[in-house]
N, C-alpha and C. Protein backbone atom coordinates (compact mmCIF):
# COMPACT_ATOMS: atom_id res chain seq x y z
N UNK A 1 -12.53 3.82 -8.31
CA UNK A 1 -11.51 3.46 -7.35
C UNK A 1 -11.74 2.02 -6.92
N UNK A 2 -10.66 1.33 -6.58
CA UNK A 2 -10.76 -0.04 -6.11
C UNK A 2 -11.33 -0.07 -4.69
N UNK A 3 -12.07 -1.11 -4.36
CA UNK A 3 -12.48 -1.23 -2.97
C UNK A 3 -11.25 -1.46 -2.10
N UNK A 4 -11.29 -1.01 -0.86
CA UNK A 4 -10.11 -1.16 -0.01
C UNK A 4 -9.89 -2.60 0.41
N UNK A 5 -10.95 -3.41 0.47
CA UNK A 5 -10.79 -4.80 0.85
C UNK A 5 -9.95 -5.53 -0.16
N UNK A 6 -8.87 -6.13 0.30
CA UNK A 6 -8.07 -6.96 -0.58
C UNK A 6 -7.01 -6.24 -1.39
N UNK A 7 -6.86 -4.94 -1.24
CA UNK A 7 -5.80 -4.24 -1.97
C UNK A 7 -4.45 -4.63 -1.38
N UNK A 8 -4.42 -4.78 -0.06
CA UNK A 8 -3.22 -5.23 0.64
C UNK A 8 -3.50 -6.64 1.15
N UNK A 9 -2.57 -7.55 0.88
CA UNK A 9 -2.75 -8.95 1.28
C UNK A 9 -1.50 -9.45 1.99
N UNK A 10 -1.71 -10.52 2.75
CA UNK A 10 -0.59 -11.21 3.41
C UNK A 10 -0.67 -12.68 3.03
N UNK A 11 0.45 -13.21 2.61
CA UNK A 11 0.53 -14.62 2.23
C UNK A 11 1.87 -15.12 2.73
N UNK A 12 1.88 -16.18 3.52
CA UNK A 12 3.16 -16.68 4.05
C UNK A 12 4.15 -17.07 2.95
N UNK A 13 3.66 -17.33 1.75
CA UNK A 13 4.54 -17.70 0.64
C UNK A 13 5.09 -16.48 -0.12
N UNK A 14 4.62 -15.28 0.23
CA UNK A 14 5.11 -14.06 -0.43
C UNK A 14 5.80 -13.20 0.62
N UNK A 15 7.11 -13.09 0.50
CA UNK A 15 7.92 -12.28 1.42
C UNK A 15 7.64 -12.61 2.88
N UNK A 16 7.43 -13.89 3.15
CA UNK A 16 7.23 -14.35 4.53
C UNK A 16 6.01 -13.79 5.22
N UNK A 17 5.00 -13.41 4.46
CA UNK A 17 3.76 -12.91 5.06
C UNK A 17 3.73 -11.40 5.23
N UNK A 18 4.69 -10.70 4.67
CA UNK A 18 4.69 -9.24 4.71
C UNK A 18 3.47 -8.72 3.96
N UNK A 19 2.88 -7.65 4.45
CA UNK A 19 1.72 -7.04 3.78
C UNK A 19 2.18 -6.41 2.46
N UNK A 20 1.62 -6.91 1.35
CA UNK A 20 2.01 -6.44 0.01
C UNK A 20 0.77 -6.03 -0.78
N UNK A 21 1.01 -5.26 -1.83
CA UNK A 21 -0.08 -4.93 -2.75
C UNK A 21 -0.46 -6.20 -3.49
N UNK A 22 -1.77 -6.47 -3.58
CA UNK A 22 -2.26 -7.68 -4.24
C UNK A 22 -1.68 -7.81 -5.65
N UNK A 23 -1.22 -9.00 -5.97
CA UNK A 23 -0.68 -9.29 -7.29
C UNK A 23 0.76 -8.83 -7.50
N UNK A 24 1.39 -8.36 -6.41
CA UNK A 24 2.78 -7.90 -6.50
C UNK A 24 3.58 -8.47 -5.35
N UNK A 25 4.86 -8.15 -5.35
CA UNK A 25 5.72 -8.45 -4.22
C UNK A 25 6.19 -7.14 -3.59
N UNK A 26 5.40 -6.10 -3.76
CA UNK A 26 5.75 -4.77 -3.26
C UNK A 26 5.09 -4.56 -1.89
N UNK A 27 5.89 -4.45 -0.83
CA UNK A 27 5.33 -4.23 0.49
C UNK A 27 4.64 -2.87 0.60
N UNK A 28 3.51 -2.83 1.29
CA UNK A 28 2.80 -1.59 1.55
C UNK A 28 3.73 -0.63 2.30
N UNK A 29 4.57 -1.16 3.16
CA UNK A 29 5.51 -0.34 3.93
C UNK A 29 6.41 0.48 3.01
N UNK A 30 6.72 -0.04 1.84
CA UNK A 30 7.55 0.73 0.89
C UNK A 30 6.89 2.05 0.53
N UNK A 31 5.58 2.02 0.33
CA UNK A 31 4.86 3.25 0.00
C UNK A 31 4.95 4.23 1.17
N UNK A 32 4.73 3.75 2.37
CA UNK A 32 4.81 4.64 3.54
C UNK A 32 6.21 5.19 3.71
N UNK A 33 7.22 4.36 3.50
CA UNK A 33 8.61 4.81 3.61
C UNK A 33 8.92 5.89 2.57
N UNK A 34 8.44 5.71 1.35
CA UNK A 34 8.66 6.70 0.30
C UNK A 34 8.04 8.04 0.69
N UNK A 35 6.82 8.01 1.14
CA UNK A 35 6.13 9.24 1.51
C UNK A 35 6.80 9.89 2.73
N UNK A 36 7.17 9.08 3.69
CA UNK A 36 7.85 9.60 4.87
C UNK A 36 9.19 10.24 4.50
N UNK A 37 9.83 9.70 3.50
CA UNK A 37 11.12 10.22 3.06
C UNK A 37 11.01 11.48 2.19
N UNK A 38 9.80 11.95 1.98
CA UNK A 38 9.61 13.17 1.21
C UNK A 38 9.40 12.96 -0.27
N UNK A 39 9.29 11.71 -0.69
CA UNK A 39 9.03 11.41 -2.09
C UNK A 39 7.54 11.52 -2.38
N UNK A 40 7.21 11.67 -3.62
CA UNK A 40 5.81 11.78 -4.03
C UNK A 40 5.24 10.41 -4.38
N UNK A 41 3.93 10.38 -4.47
CA UNK A 41 3.25 9.16 -4.92
C UNK A 41 3.69 8.82 -6.34
N UNK A 42 3.86 9.83 -7.17
CA UNK A 42 4.30 9.61 -8.56
C UNK A 42 5.66 8.93 -8.58
N UNK A 43 6.56 9.37 -7.72
CA UNK A 43 7.90 8.76 -7.67
C UNK A 43 7.81 7.30 -7.23
N UNK A 44 6.96 7.02 -6.25
CA UNK A 44 6.77 5.64 -5.82
C UNK A 44 6.25 4.78 -6.97
N UNK A 45 5.24 5.29 -7.66
CA UNK A 45 4.65 4.52 -8.76
C UNK A 45 5.63 4.31 -9.91
N UNK A 46 6.51 5.26 -10.14
CA UNK A 46 7.54 5.09 -11.16
C UNK A 46 8.53 4.00 -10.76
N UNK A 47 8.85 3.94 -9.47
CA UNK A 47 9.81 2.95 -8.97
C UNK A 47 9.19 1.55 -8.89
N UNK A 48 7.88 1.49 -8.66
CA UNK A 48 7.17 0.21 -8.51
C UNK A 48 5.99 0.17 -9.48
N UNK A 49 6.25 0.00 -10.77
CA UNK A 49 5.18 0.07 -11.77
C UNK A 49 4.13 -1.03 -11.67
N UNK A 50 4.39 -2.06 -10.90
CA UNK A 50 3.37 -3.11 -10.74
C UNK A 50 2.24 -2.67 -9.81
N UNK A 51 2.44 -1.56 -9.09
CA UNK A 51 1.40 -1.01 -8.22
C UNK A 51 0.66 0.09 -8.99
N UNK A 52 -0.64 -0.03 -9.07
CA UNK A 52 -1.41 1.00 -9.77
C UNK A 52 -1.67 2.18 -8.83
N UNK A 53 -1.92 3.32 -9.44
CA UNK A 53 -2.26 4.51 -8.66
C UNK A 53 -3.51 4.26 -7.83
N UNK A 54 -4.49 3.59 -8.41
CA UNK A 54 -5.73 3.30 -7.72
C UNK A 54 -5.50 2.42 -6.50
N UNK A 55 -4.63 1.41 -6.64
CA UNK A 55 -4.34 0.52 -5.51
C UNK A 55 -3.62 1.28 -4.41
N UNK A 56 -2.67 2.13 -4.77
CA UNK A 56 -1.93 2.90 -3.76
C UNK A 56 -2.87 3.83 -3.00
N UNK A 57 -3.73 4.52 -3.72
CA UNK A 57 -4.66 5.45 -3.07
C UNK A 57 -5.66 4.69 -2.20
N UNK A 58 -6.17 3.57 -2.69
CA UNK A 58 -7.11 2.77 -1.90
C UNK A 58 -6.44 2.28 -0.62
N UNK A 59 -5.19 1.86 -0.70
CA UNK A 59 -4.48 1.38 0.48
C UNK A 59 -4.27 2.52 1.48
N UNK A 60 -3.91 3.70 0.99
CA UNK A 60 -3.73 4.85 1.88
C UNK A 60 -5.05 5.26 2.52
N UNK A 61 -6.12 5.23 1.75
CA UNK A 61 -7.44 5.56 2.30
C UNK A 61 -7.83 4.57 3.39
N UNK A 62 -7.56 3.30 3.15
CA UNK A 62 -7.88 2.27 4.14
C UNK A 62 -7.06 2.48 5.41
N UNK A 63 -5.77 2.78 5.25
CA UNK A 63 -4.91 3.04 6.40
C UNK A 63 -5.42 4.26 7.17
N UNK A 64 -5.84 5.29 6.46
CA UNK A 64 -6.38 6.48 7.10
C UNK A 64 -7.61 6.13 7.92
N UNK A 65 -8.51 5.35 7.35
CA UNK A 65 -9.73 4.94 8.05
C UNK A 65 -9.39 4.17 9.33
N UNK A 66 -8.40 3.30 9.26
CA UNK A 66 -8.01 2.51 10.43
C UNK A 66 -7.45 3.42 11.53
N UNK A 67 -6.62 4.37 11.16
CA UNK A 67 -6.05 5.29 12.14
C UNK A 67 -7.13 6.15 12.78
N UNK A 68 -8.03 6.66 11.98
CA UNK A 68 -9.12 7.50 12.50
C UNK A 68 -10.02 6.69 13.43
N UNK A 69 -10.34 5.47 13.05
CA UNK A 69 -11.18 4.62 13.88
C UNK A 69 -10.49 4.28 15.20
N UNK A 70 -9.19 4.07 15.16
CA UNK A 70 -8.44 3.72 16.35
C UNK A 70 -8.32 4.91 17.30
N UNK A 71 -8.33 6.11 16.75
CA UNK A 71 -8.17 7.32 17.57
C UNK A 71 -9.46 7.72 18.28
N UNK A 72 -10.57 7.11 17.91
CA UNK A 72 -11.87 7.46 18.51
C UNK A 72 -12.03 6.89 19.88
């Protein structure tokens, strides 16, 4: 699995600094919106093939860690 550091990046030159998957122009929010809408991870990956399964899972794991840490 990829390390969580650097899977999601912000660059003012890419979509105005929106958080995106490294090496893509795919916002992390798109993944959350897909899942919230009842779609599967597989469907998201099919729609955004530039995002690897490993990167998506690492980003979700990192988000989970942040939420858990914030809730403590």
